[in-house]
Amino acid sequence: MSERKRRGSTVERYIVNRLTAKGFACLRAPASGSKRKQPVPDIVALKDGVIIIIEVKSRASEENIYVNRDQAEGITKFSERSGGELFLAIKSPSGIRFLDFSKLRQTRGGNFVADKNLISSGMSLEDLVRHVESKLVKKLDLFA
């Protein structure tokens, strides 16, 4: 396994372990990024019926992050079919940030980019957990 893939796998496992400790059921798809016909996200996490889909990117610097068009289309379709909310997790020297995938900008070539400003405004893992838990409260309010 290349150093780059090993680093990405380490970040994926870290996120899964942290979310599991917060009460999520998580699946990690180690085949993501392979030449599968159906692209799958790196992580699917569920908590009390709320589904989040996470694609993970790891960088050694604080540069823009790109997701190629085919991968973006595949994970977006997966998210739509599952009813899950899609996030891009970015591990950089300053930590891990979670971005709402819909906020990424599409380039002229059809790829997607998260610029430094968007990355810096992303959610921490704790913020992501609170985001999901806020949906649980709303969901429970429907029964009242």
Protein backbone atom coordinates (compact mmCIF):
# COMPACT_ATOMS: atom_id res chain seq x y z
CA MET A 1 0.00 0.00 0.00
CA SER A 2 1.35 3.41 -0.91
CA GLU A 3 2.15 5.96 1.80
CA ARG A 4 -0.67 8.16 0.51
CA LYS A 5 -3.30 5.40 0.72
CA ARG A 6 -2.00 4.30 4.13
CA ARG A 7 -2.33 7.85 5.45
CA GLY A 8 -5.89 8.08 4.09
CA SER A 9 -6.84 4.73 5.64
CA THR A 10 -5.47 5.87 8.99
CA VAL A 11 -7.64 9.00 8.88
CA GLU A 12 -10.70 6.95 7.88
CA ARG A 13 -10.19 4.55 10.79
CA TYR A 14 -9.71 7.47 13.18
CA ILE A 15 -13.01 9.07 12.08
CA VAL A 16 -14.86 5.73 12.32
CA ASN A 17 -13.49 5.12 15.83
CA ARG A 18 -14.44 8.62 17.02
CA LEU A 19 -17.95 8.42 15.55
CA THR A 20 -18.46 4.93 16.99
CA ALA A 21 -17.47 6.28 20.42
CA LYS A 22 -20.18 8.95 19.96
CA GLY A 23 -22.90 6.34 19.37
CA PHE A 24 -22.83 5.98 15.59
CA ALA A 25 -22.95 2.71 13.67
CA CYS A 26 -20.22 3.03 11.02
CA LEU A 27 -19.11 1.22 7.91
CA ARG A 28 -15.78 1.92 6.28
CA ALA A 29 -15.44 1.00 2.61
CA PRO A 30 -11.75 0.24 2.15
CA ALA A 31 -12.34 -0.39 -1.55
CA SER A 32 -13.28 3.22 -2.16
CA GLY A 33 -11.02 4.89 -4.66
CA SER A 34 -10.51 1.59 -6.45
CA LYS A 35 -11.62 0.83 -9.99
CA ARG A 36 -15.07 -0.35 -8.89
CA LYS A 37 -17.89 0.24 -11.35
CA GLN A 38 -20.04 1.77 -8.61
CA PRO A 39 -18.15 4.39 -6.61
CA VAL A 40 -18.73 4.15 -2.88
CA PRO A 41 -17.90 6.67 -0.16
CA ASP A 42 -15.16 6.07 2.39
CA ILE A 43 -17.50 6.02 5.40
CA VAL A 44 -21.23 5.55 6.01
CA ALA A 45 -22.32 6.47 9.53
CA LEU A 46 -25.79 6.11 11.04
CA LYS A 47 -27.29 7.30 14.28
CA ASP A 48 -30.94 6.70 15.14
CA GLY A 49 -32.01 6.76 11.49
CA VAL A 50 -29.87 9.73 10.43
CA ILE A 51 -27.38 8.80 7.72
CA ILE A 52 -24.18 10.65 6.93
CA ILE A 53 -21.93 9.82 4.01
CA ILE A 54 -18.27 10.84 4.30
CA GLU A 55 -15.59 11.06 1.63
CA VAL A 56 -12.14 11.54 3.18
CA LYS A 57 -9.19 13.45 1.72
CA SER A 58 -5.86 13.84 3.47
CA ARG A 59 -3.27 16.49 2.64
CA ALA A 60 0.15 17.33 4.01
CA SER A 61 -0.39 21.02 3.27
CA GLU A 62 -3.19 23.60 3.58
CA GLU A 63 -3.98 23.68 -0.15
CA ASN A 64 -7.26 23.44 -2.08
CA ILE A 65 -8.82 19.97 -2.20
CA TYR A 66 -10.12 18.53 -5.46
CA VAL A 67 -12.59 15.69 -6.03
CA ASN A 68 -12.72 14.39 -9.58
CA ARG A 69 -16.03 14.50 -11.41
CA ASP A 70 -16.59 10.75 -11.65
CA GLN A 71 -15.94 10.20 -7.96
CA ALA A 72 -18.13 13.19 -7.00
CA GLU A 73 -21.00 11.98 -9.20
CA GLY A 74 -20.74 8.46 -7.78
CA ILE A 75 -20.76 9.43 -4.13
CA THR A 76 -23.48 12.03 -4.72
CA LYS A 77 -25.66 9.37 -6.34
CA PHE A 78 -24.92 7.01 -3.43
CA SER A 79 -25.92 9.74 -0.98
CA GLU A 80 -29.16 10.46 -2.85
CA ARG A 81 -30.11 6.78 -3.02
CA SER A 82 -29.42 6.24 0.67
CA GLY A 83 -31.11 9.42 1.83
CA GLY A 84 -27.87 10.39 3.56
CA GLU A 85 -26.22 13.76 3.90
CA LEU A 86 -22.87 13.94 2.09
CA PHE A 87 -19.76 15.44 3.69
CA LEU A 88 -16.15 15.85 2.61
CA ALA A 89 -13.73 15.25 5.50
CA ILE A 90 -10.37 16.93 5.04
CA LYS A 91 -7.36 16.03 7.15
CA SER A 92 -4.64 18.67 6.96
CA PRO A 93 -1.89 19.78 9.36
CA SER A 94 -4.42 21.97 11.19
CA GLY A 95 -6.79 19.04 11.90
CA ILE A 96 -9.89 17.42 10.42
CA ARG A 97 -12.73 19.55 9.02
CA PHE A 98 -16.07 18.35 7.64
CA LEU A 99 -17.67 20.22 4.73
CA ASP A 100 -21.19 19.95 3.37
CA PHE A 101 -20.39 18.52 -0.06
CA SER A 102 -23.00 20.73 -1.73
CA LYS A 103 -20.89 23.78 -0.83
CA LEU A 104 -17.96 22.68 -3.01
CA ARG A 105 -17.50 24.67 -6.21
CA GLN A 106 -17.57 22.87 -9.55
CA THR A 107 -14.71 23.73 -11.91
CA ARG A 108 -15.06 24.25 -15.66
CA GLY A 109 -13.67 20.75 -16.12
CA GLY A 110 -16.45 19.29 -13.99
CA ASN A 111 -14.33 18.49 -10.94
CA PHE A 112 -15.17 19.83 -7.49
CA VAL A 113 -12.96 22.01 -5.32
CA ALA A 114 -12.91 23.07 -1.69
CA ASP A 115 -10.81 26.21 -1.32
CA LYS A 116 -8.89 27.22 1.79
CA ASN A 117 -11.66 29.54 3.03
CA LEU A 118 -14.31 26.85 2.74
CA ILE A 119 -12.04 24.33 4.45
CA SER A 120 -11.30 26.68 7.34
CA SER A 121 -15.04 27.26 7.85
CA GLY A 122 -15.75 23.52 8.00
CA MET A 123 -17.12 21.69 11.02
CA SER A 124 -15.05 19.88 13.61
CA LEU A 125 -16.00 16.30 14.42
CA GLU A 126 -17.82 17.58 17.53
CA ASP A 127 -19.74 20.05 15.35
CA LEU A 128 -20.68 17.23 12.97
CA VAL A 129 -21.99 15.14 15.88
CA ARG A 130 -24.05 18.12 17.14
CA HIS A 131 -25.37 18.64 13.59
CA VAL A 132 -26.61 15.03 13.46
CA GLU A 133 -28.02 15.18 16.98
CA SER A 134 -29.97 18.35 16.11
CA LYS A 135 -31.68 16.33 13.38
CA LEU A 136 -32.59 13.67 15.94
CA VAL A 137 -34.33 16.23 18.12
CA LYS A 138 -36.36 17.49 15.16
CA LYS A 139 -37.21 13.93 14.16
CA LEU A 140 -38.47 13.14 17.67
CA ASP A 141 -40.52 16.35 17.74
CA LEU A 142 -42.61 14.98 14.86
CA PHE A 143 -44.06 12.40 17.25
CA ALA A 144 -45.29 14.96 19.77
